[in-house]
């Protein structure tokens, strides 16, 4: 898509070209069900209307909106945009799989790090209070990971006994 931008709209200024390309790209993105020719027709119809009422954001198109070169360049750009978004859509499962893999990797690395650090005062205090509350014999906790797992185990074991059933 970026290569085609260098080849089209050669008479436009940099700002004009950028504004028009961004607008066209947004049109393609928000209407994936429409064909390229339908998007082009919709754009031309809308732009002609706005030019008639002097409210166009692209006033520089007034003289060339029906020019064959302009239509050809616009069609080329819309086709490239469609290819880009179709490719992006096909890549989505791979991107999601990579995100899940990275998430698992971060979780694993966090647990490795927690396994090497000593437990915090809050963890020790909370563990101490849980042991007193449920009359459990305390163990010596050597890491944050062990403290977290032990606290989770105690809470899950005694969770059912602390619930009050309301009929």
C-alpha atoms as a PDB file:
ATOM      1  CA  UNK A   1       0.000   0.000   0.000  1.00  0.00           C
ATOM      2  CA  UNK A   2       2.848   2.365   0.779  1.00  0.00           C
ATOM      3  CA  UNK A   3       4.538   1.732  -2.576  1.00  0.00           C
ATOM      4  CA  UNK A   4       1.397   2.636  -4.494  1.00  0.00           C
ATOM      5  CA  UNK A   5       1.212   5.983  -2.683  1.00  0.00           C
ATOM      6  CA  UNK A   6       4.432   7.021  -4.404  1.00  0.00           C
ATOM      7  CA  UNK A   7       2.947   6.267  -7.825  1.00  0.00           C
ATOM      8  CA  UNK A   8      -0.444   7.967  -7.557  1.00  0.00           C
ATOM      9  CA  UNK A   9      -1.724  11.531  -7.297  1.00  0.00           C
ATOM     10  CA  UNK A  10       1.539  12.982  -8.560  1.00  0.00           C
ATOM     11  CA  UNK A  11       0.018  16.450  -9.107  1.00  0.00           C
ATOM     12  CA  UNK A  12      -1.202  16.788  -5.506  1.00  0.00           C
ATOM     13  CA  UNK A  13       0.686  18.428  -2.677  1.00  0.00           C
ATOM     14  CA  UNK A  14       1.895  16.238   0.121  1.00  0.00           C
ATOM     15  CA  UNK A  15      -0.928  17.336   2.455  1.00  0.00           C
ATOM     16  CA  UNK A  16      -3.605  16.857  -0.202  1.00  0.00           C
ATOM     17  CA  UNK A  17      -2.337  13.397  -1.023  1.00  0.00           C
ATOM     18  CA  UNK A  18      -2.121  12.412   2.619  1.00  0.00           C
ATOM     19  CA  UNK A  19      -5.605  13.677   3.469  1.00  0.00           C
ATOM     20  CA  UNK A  20      -7.206  11.940   0.497  1.00  0.00           C
ATOM     21  CA  UNK A  21      -5.374   8.648   1.081  1.00  0.00           C
ATOM     22  CA  UNK A  22      -6.277   8.606   4.767  1.00  0.00           C
ATOM     23  CA  UNK A  23      -9.912   9.276   3.962  1.00  0.00           C
ATOM     24  CA  UNK A  24     -10.028   6.547   1.320  1.00  0.00           C
ATOM     25  CA  UNK A  25      -8.305   4.070   3.611  1.00  0.00           C
ATOM     26  CA  UNK A  26     -10.880   4.786   6.316  1.00  0.00           C
ATOM     27  CA  UNK A  27     -13.685   4.222   3.799  1.00  0.00           C
ATOM     28  CA  UNK A  28     -12.291   0.808   2.895  1.00  0.00           C
ATOM     29  CA  UNK A  29     -11.791  -0.128   6.535  1.00  0.00           C
ATOM     30  CA  UNK A  30     -15.310   0.769   7.650  1.00  0.00           C
ATOM     31  CA  UNK A  31     -17.048  -0.974   4.746  1.00  0.00           C
ATOM     32  CA  UNK A  32     -15.370  -4.363   4.270  1.00  0.00           C
ATOM     33  CA  UNK A  33     -18.514  -5.841   2.698  1.00  0.00           C
ATOM     34  CA  UNK A  34     -18.505  -3.422  -0.254  1.00  0.00           C
ATOM     35  CA  UNK A  35     -16.572  -4.035  -3.461  1.00  0.00           C
ATOM     36  CA  UNK A  36     -13.858  -1.594  -4.516  1.00  0.00           C
ATOM     37  CA  UNK A  37     -15.987  -0.179  -7.352  1.00  0.00           C
ATOM     38  CA  UNK A  38     -18.902   0.359  -4.949  1.00  0.00           C
ATOM     39  CA  UNK A  39     -16.663   2.230  -2.527  1.00  0.00           C
ATOM     40  CA  UNK A  40     -15.319   4.351  -5.374  1.00  0.00           C
ATOM     41  CA  UNK A  41     -18.841   5.184  -6.593  1.00  0.00           C
ATOM     42  CA  UNK A  42     -19.949   6.057  -3.063  1.00  0.00           C
ATOM     43  CA  UNK A  43     -16.917   8.311  -2.577  1.00  0.00           C
ATOM     44  CA  UNK A  44     -17.455  10.083  -5.909  1.00  0.00           C
ATOM     45  CA  UNK A  45     -21.167  10.521  -5.271  1.00  0.00           C
ATOM     46  CA  UNK A  46     -20.570  11.968  -1.804  1.00  0.00           C
ATOM     47  CA  UNK A  47     -17.751  14.211  -2.982  1.00  0.00           C
ATOM     48  CA  UNK A  48     -19.790  15.601  -5.883  1.00  0.00           C
ATOM     49  CA  UNK A  49     -22.616  16.386  -3.480  1.00  0.00           C
ATOM     50  CA  UNK A  50     -20.289  18.183  -1.047  1.00  0.00           C
ATOM     51  CA  UNK A  51     -18.645  20.106  -3.878  1.00  0.00           C
ATOM     52  CA  UNK A  52     -22.087  21.287  -5.054  1.00  0.00           C
ATOM     53  CA  UNK A  53     -22.955  22.682  -1.637  1.00  0.00           C
ATOM     54  CA  UNK A  54     -19.439  24.117  -1.143  1.00  0.00           C
ATOM     55  CA  UNK A  55     -18.753  21.990   1.913  1.00  0.00           C
ATOM     56  CA  UNK A  56     -16.117  19.609   0.607  1.00  0.00           C
ATOM     57  CA  UNK A  57     -13.040  18.789   2.606  1.00  0.00           C
ATOM     58  CA  UNK A  58     -11.265  18.166  -0.703  1.00  0.00           C
ATOM     59  CA  UNK A  59     -11.899  21.360  -2.704  1.00  0.00           C
ATOM     60  CA  UNK A  60      -8.886  20.602  -4.869  1.00  0.00           C
ATOM     61  CA  UNK A  61     -10.873  17.746  -6.457  1.00  0.00           C
ATOM     62  CA  UNK A  62     -13.433  20.088  -8.036  1.00  0.00           C
ATOM     63  CA  UNK A  63     -11.624  20.295 -11.378  1.00  0.00           C
ATOM     64  CA  UNK A  64     -10.358  16.734 -11.593  1.00  0.00           C
ATOM     65  CA  UNK A  65     -13.075  14.588 -10.008  1.00  0.00           C
ATOM     66  CA  UNK A  66     -14.105  13.196 -13.407  1.00  0.00           C
ATOM     67  CA  UNK A  67     -10.562  12.994 -14.789  1.00  0.00           C
ATOM     68  CA  UNK A  68      -9.590   9.514 -15.986  1.00  0.00           C
ATOM     69  CA  UNK A  69      -6.158   9.650 -14.308  1.00  0.00           C
ATOM     70  CA  UNK A  70      -7.710  10.582 -10.952  1.00  0.00           C
ATOM     71  CA  UNK A  71     -10.252   7.761 -11.198  1.00  0.00           C
ATOM     72  CA  UNK A  72      -7.524   5.286 -12.153  1.00  0.00           C
ATOM     73  CA  UNK A  73      -5.278   6.344  -9.266  1.00  0.00           C
ATOM     74  CA  UNK A  74      -8.154   6.209  -6.801  1.00  0.00           C
ATOM     75  CA  UNK A  75      -9.184   2.739  -7.969  1.00  0.00           C
ATOM     76  CA  UNK A  76      -5.564   1.518  -7.645  1.00  0.00           C
ATOM     77  CA  UNK A  77      -5.325   2.890  -4.124  1.00  0.00           C
ATOM     78  CA  UNK A  78      -8.655   1.378  -3.074  1.00  0.00           C
ATOM     79  CA  UNK A  79      -7.581  -2.010  -4.428  1.00  0.00           C
ATOM     80  CA  UNK A  80      -4.330  -1.821  -2.446  1.00  0.00           C
ATOM     81  CA  UNK A  81      -6.236  -0.825   0.687  1.00  0.00           C
ATOM     82  CA  UNK A  82      -8.595  -3.779   0.228  1.00  0.00           C
ATOM     83  CA  UNK A  83      -5.625  -6.142  -0.164  1.00  0.00           C
ATOM     84  CA  UNK A  84      -4.029  -4.676   2.965  1.00  0.00           C
ATOM     85  CA  UNK A  85      -7.120  -5.096   5.125  1.00  0.00           C
ATOM     86  CA  UNK A  86      -7.860  -8.573   3.762  1.00  0.00           C
ATOM     87  CA  UNK A  87      -4.286  -9.618   4.563  1.00  0.00           C
ATOM     88  CA  UNK A  88      -4.560  -8.100   8.019  1.00  0.00           C
ATOM     89  CA  UNK A  89      -7.785 -10.020   8.637  1.00  0.00           C
ATOM     90  CA  UNK A  90      -6.138 -13.289   7.585  1.00  0.00           C
ATOM     91  CA  UNK A  91      -3.217 -12.606   9.927  1.00  0.00           C
ATOM     92  CA  UNK A  92      -5.481 -12.041  12.941  1.00  0.00           C
ATOM     93  CA  UNK A  93      -5.432 -15.680  14.220  1.00  0.00           C
ATOM     94  CA  UNK A  94      -1.639 -15.699  14.094  1.00  0.00           C
ATOM     95  CA  UNK A  95      -1.458 -12.377  15.932  1.00  0.00           C
ATOM     96  CA  UNK A  96      -3.865 -13.641  18.607  1.00  0.00           C
ATOM     97  CA  UNK A  97      -1.838 -16.840  19.016  1.00  0.00           C
ATOM     98  CA  UNK A  98       1.337 -14.769  19.449  1.00  0.00           C
ATOM     99  CA  UNK A  99      -0.387 -12.589  22.049  1.00  0.00           C
ATOM    100  CA  UNK A 100      -1.490 -15.680  23.996  1.00  0.00           C
ATOM    101  CA  UNK A 101       2.012 -17.129  23.805  1.00  0.00           C
ATOM    102  CA  UNK A 102       3.557 -13.863  25.051  1.00  0.00           C
ATOM    103  CA  UNK A 103       1.007 -13.712  27.872  1.00  0.00           C
ATOM    104  CA  UNK A 104       1.889 -17.251  28.987  1.00  0.00           C
ATOM    105  CA  UNK A 105       5.587 -16.455  28.708  1.00  0.00           C
ATOM    106  CA  UNK A 106       5.220 -13.324  30.884  1.00  0.00           C
ATOM    107  CA  UNK A 107       3.240 -15.304  33.466  1.00  0.00           C
ATOM    108  CA  UNK A 108       5.882 -18.032  33.537  1.00  0.00           C
ATOM    109  CA  UNK A 109       8.728 -15.519  33.891  1.00  0.00           C
ATOM    110  CA  UNK A 110       6.833 -13.723  36.651  1.00  0.00           C
ATOM    111  CA  UNK A 111       6.450 -17.012  38.544  1.00  0.00           C
ATOM    112  CA  UNK A 112      10.151 -17.787  38.106  1.00  0.00           C
ATOM    113  CA  UNK A 113      10.971 -14.358  39.511  1.00  0.00           C
ATOM    114  CA  UNK A 114       8.523 -14.830  42.397  1.00  0.00           C
ATOM    115  CA  UNK A 115      10.125 -18.189  43.145  1.00  0.00           C
ATOM    116  CA  UNK A 116      13.454 -16.461  43.773  1.00  0.00           C
ATOM    117  CA  UNK A 117      12.213 -13.584  45.967  1.00  0.00           C
ATOM    118  CA  UNK A 118      11.453 -13.878  49.661  1.00  0.00           C
ATOM    119  CA  UNK A 119       7.817 -13.424  50.745  1.00  0.00           C
ATOM    120  CA  UNK A 120       6.588  -9.942  51.603  1.00  0.00           C
ATOM    121  CA  UNK A 121       5.538  -8.850  55.072  1.00  0.00           C
ATOM    122  CA  UNK A 122       1.939  -8.613  53.899  1.00  0.00           C
ATOM    123  CA  UNK A 123       1.988 -12.178  52.606  1.00  0.00           C
ATOM    124  CA  UNK A 124       3.512 -13.462  55.842  1.00  0.00           C
ATOM    125  CA  UNK A 125       1.008 -11.523  57.948  1.00  0.00           C
ATOM    126  CA  UNK A 126      -1.950 -12.713  55.869  1.00  0.00           C
ATOM    127  CA  UNK A 127      -0.708 -16.308  55.971  1.00  0.00           C
ATOM    128  CA  UNK A 128      -0.248 -16.058  59.733  1.00  0.00           C
ATOM    129  CA  UNK A 129      -3.821 -14.748  60.192  1.00  0.00           C
ATOM    130  CA  UNK A 130      -5.258 -17.496  57.972  1.00  0.00           C
ATOM    131  CA  UNK A 131      -3.390 -20.179  59.916  1.00  0.00           C
ATOM    132  CA  UNK A 132      -4.756 -18.817  63.208  1.00  0.00           C
ATOM    133  CA  UNK A 133      -8.287 -18.498  61.843  1.00  0.00           C
ATOM    134  CA  UNK A 134      -8.468 -22.061  60.513  1.00  0.00           C
ATOM    135  CA  UNK A 135      -6.187 -23.679  63.139  1.00  0.00           C
ATOM    136  CA  UNK A 136      -3.611 -24.781  60.598  1.00  0.00           C
ATOM    137  CA  UNK A 137      -0.010 -25.526  61.440  1.00  0.00           C
ATOM    138  CA  UNK A 138       2.307 -22.941  59.880  1.00  0.00           C
ATOM    139  CA  UNK A 139       5.036 -23.831  57.421  1.00  0.00           C
ATOM    140  CA  UNK A 140       8.206 -21.907  56.706  1.00  0.00           C
ATOM    141  CA  UNK A 141       7.589 -20.013  53.464  1.00  0.00           C
ATOM    142  CA  UNK A 142      10.685 -19.489  51.368  1.00  0.00           C
ATOM    143  CA  UNK A 143       9.381 -17.487  48.397  1.00  0.00           C
ATOM    144  CA  UNK A 144       6.610 -15.212  47.198  1.00  0.00           C
ATOM    145  CA  UNK A 145       5.405 -17.970  44.888  1.00  0.00           C
ATOM    146  CA  UNK A 146       5.188 -20.494  47.694  1.00  0.00           C
ATOM    147  CA  UNK A 147       3.381 -17.977  49.909  1.00  0.00           C
ATOM    148  CA  UNK A 148       0.883 -17.161  47.177  1.00  0.00           C
ATOM    149  CA  UNK A 149       0.205 -20.823  46.454  1.00  0.00           C
ATOM    150  CA  UNK A 150      -0.168 -21.682  50.140  1.00  0.00           C
ATOM    151  CA  UNK A 151      -2.579 -18.793  50.747  1.00  0.00           C
ATOM    152  CA  UNK A 152      -4.605 -19.815  47.688  1.00  0.00           C
ATOM    153  CA  UNK A 153      -4.711 -23.426  48.878  1.00  0.00           C
ATOM    154  CA  UNK A 154      -5.979 -22.427  52.339  1.00  0.00           C
ATOM    155  CA  UNK A 155      -8.601 -20.106  50.907  1.00  0.00           C
ATOM    156  CA  UNK A 156      -9.872 -22.659  48.396  1.00  0.00           C
ATOM    157  CA  UNK A 157     -10.067 -25.417  51.040  1.00  0.00           C
ATOM    158  CA  UNK A 158     -12.003 -23.294  53.499  1.00  0.00           C
ATOM    159  CA  UNK A 159     -14.058 -21.327  51.019  1.00  0.00           C
ATOM    160  CA  UNK A 160     -16.997 -23.757  51.110  1.00  0.00           C
ATOM    161  CA  UNK A 161     -17.134 -23.821  54.912  1.00  0.00           C
ATOM    162  CA  UNK A 162     -17.386 -20.027  55.180  1.00  0.00           C
ATOM    163  CA  UNK A 163     -20.283 -19.673  52.743  1.00  0.00           C
ATOM    164  CA  UNK A 164     -23.740 -19.215  54.091  1.00  0.00           C
ATOM    165  CA  UNK A 165     -26.477 -20.909  52.089  1.00  0.00           C
ATOM    166  CA  UNK A 166     -29.705 -18.941  51.817  1.00  0.00           C
ATOM    167  CA  UNK A 167     -32.690 -21.036  50.733  1.00  0.00           C
END
